[in-house]
Amino acid sequence: MSTFTQWTGEDLGTIWVKTRLGADDDPVPEQILDAQRIRSTPTVDSNLNPQGGLPGPWHERLPHFRL
């Protein structure tokens, strides 16, 4: 889990949660710690890994950005 804050107000800001998905795992939850899952990313950046609960190889998804 990674957290990103603006340091203003009571809200934390953004939480990125990474989970390991197996064949028998439940889908990514819609809500974690009172935070709603986003459905789309605000911008598309070729340096970022795919987001939004899309499964992929762990070694390509471990860092937040492409190496």
Protein backbone atom coordinates (compact mmCIF):
# COMPACT_ATOMS: atom_id res chain seq x y z
CA MET A 1 0.00 0.00 0.00
CA SER A 2 1.21 3.49 -0.83
CA THR A 3 -0.42 6.70 0.34
CA PHE A 4 -0.26 10.11 -1.30
CA THR A 5 -1.47 13.17 0.57
CA GLN A 6 -1.86 16.87 -0.14
CA TRP A 7 -1.38 17.64 3.58
CA THR A 8 -4.58 19.69 3.61
CA GLY A 9 -7.77 18.80 5.42
CA GLU A 10 -8.76 15.53 7.04
CA ASP A 11 -8.62 13.28 3.96
CA LEU A 12 -5.57 11.18 3.28
CA GLY A 13 -5.68 11.72 -0.47
CA THR A 14 -4.90 8.69 -2.61
CA ILE A 15 -4.15 5.11 -1.59
CA TRP A 16 -2.61 2.63 -4.00
CA VAL A 17 -3.17 -0.95 -2.92
CA LYS A 18 -1.31 -3.80 -4.59
CA THR A 19 -2.45 -7.37 -4.11
CA ARG A 20 -1.37 -10.70 -5.44
CA LEU A 21 -4.18 -12.29 -7.43
CA GLY A 22 -4.54 -16.02 -7.77
CA ALA A 23 -7.01 -18.03 -9.81
CA ASP A 24 -9.32 -18.53 -6.81
CA ASP A 25 -9.05 -15.01 -5.35
CA ASP A 26 -11.95 -12.63 -4.99
CA PRO A 27 -12.03 -9.62 -7.32
CA VAL A 28 -10.50 -6.33 -6.23
CA PRO A 29 -12.82 -4.77 -3.59
CA GLU A 30 -14.81 -1.65 -4.44
CA GLN A 31 -13.92 0.01 -1.12
CA ILE A 32 -10.90 -0.10 1.22
CA LEU A 33 -10.57 2.03 4.38
CA ASP A 34 -13.55 4.19 3.37
CA ALA A 35 -11.87 4.94 0.02
CA GLN A 36 -13.68 4.16 -3.22
CA ARG A 37 -11.97 2.32 -6.04
CA ILE A 38 -11.31 4.52 -9.06
CA ARG A 39 -12.65 3.36 -12.39
CA SER A 40 -10.26 5.22 -14.67
CA THR A 41 -6.96 7.00 -14.34
CA PRO A 42 -7.00 10.77 -14.85
CA THR A 43 -4.13 10.69 -17.35
CA VAL A 44 -2.44 8.03 -19.41
CA ASP A 45 1.31 8.00 -18.91
CA SER A 46 3.52 5.48 -20.67
CA ASN A 47 5.80 5.47 -17.61
CA LEU A 48 3.05 4.16 -15.31
CA ASN A 49 1.92 0.57 -14.98
CA PRO A 50 -1.70 -0.26 -15.81
CA GLN A 51 -4.03 0.57 -12.91
CA GLY A 52 -7.55 -0.17 -11.79
CA GLY A 53 -7.32 -3.78 -10.70
CA LEU A 54 -6.07 -5.22 -13.97
CA PRO A 55 -4.08 -8.40 -13.34
CA GLY A 56 -0.57 -8.77 -14.68
CA PRO A 57 2.80 -10.39 -13.95
CA TRP A 58 4.05 -9.37 -10.50
CA HIS A 59 7.52 -8.47 -11.76
CA GLU A 60 5.97 -5.89 -14.11
CA ARG A 61 3.63 -4.47 -11.44
CA LEU A 62 5.78 -4.33 -8.30
CA PRO A 63 7.08 -0.79 -8.90
CA HIS A 64 4.52 1.99 -9.51
CA PHE A 65 6.42 3.12 -12.59
CA ARG A 66 8.20 1.32 -15.39
CA LEU A 67 11.92 0.79 -14.96
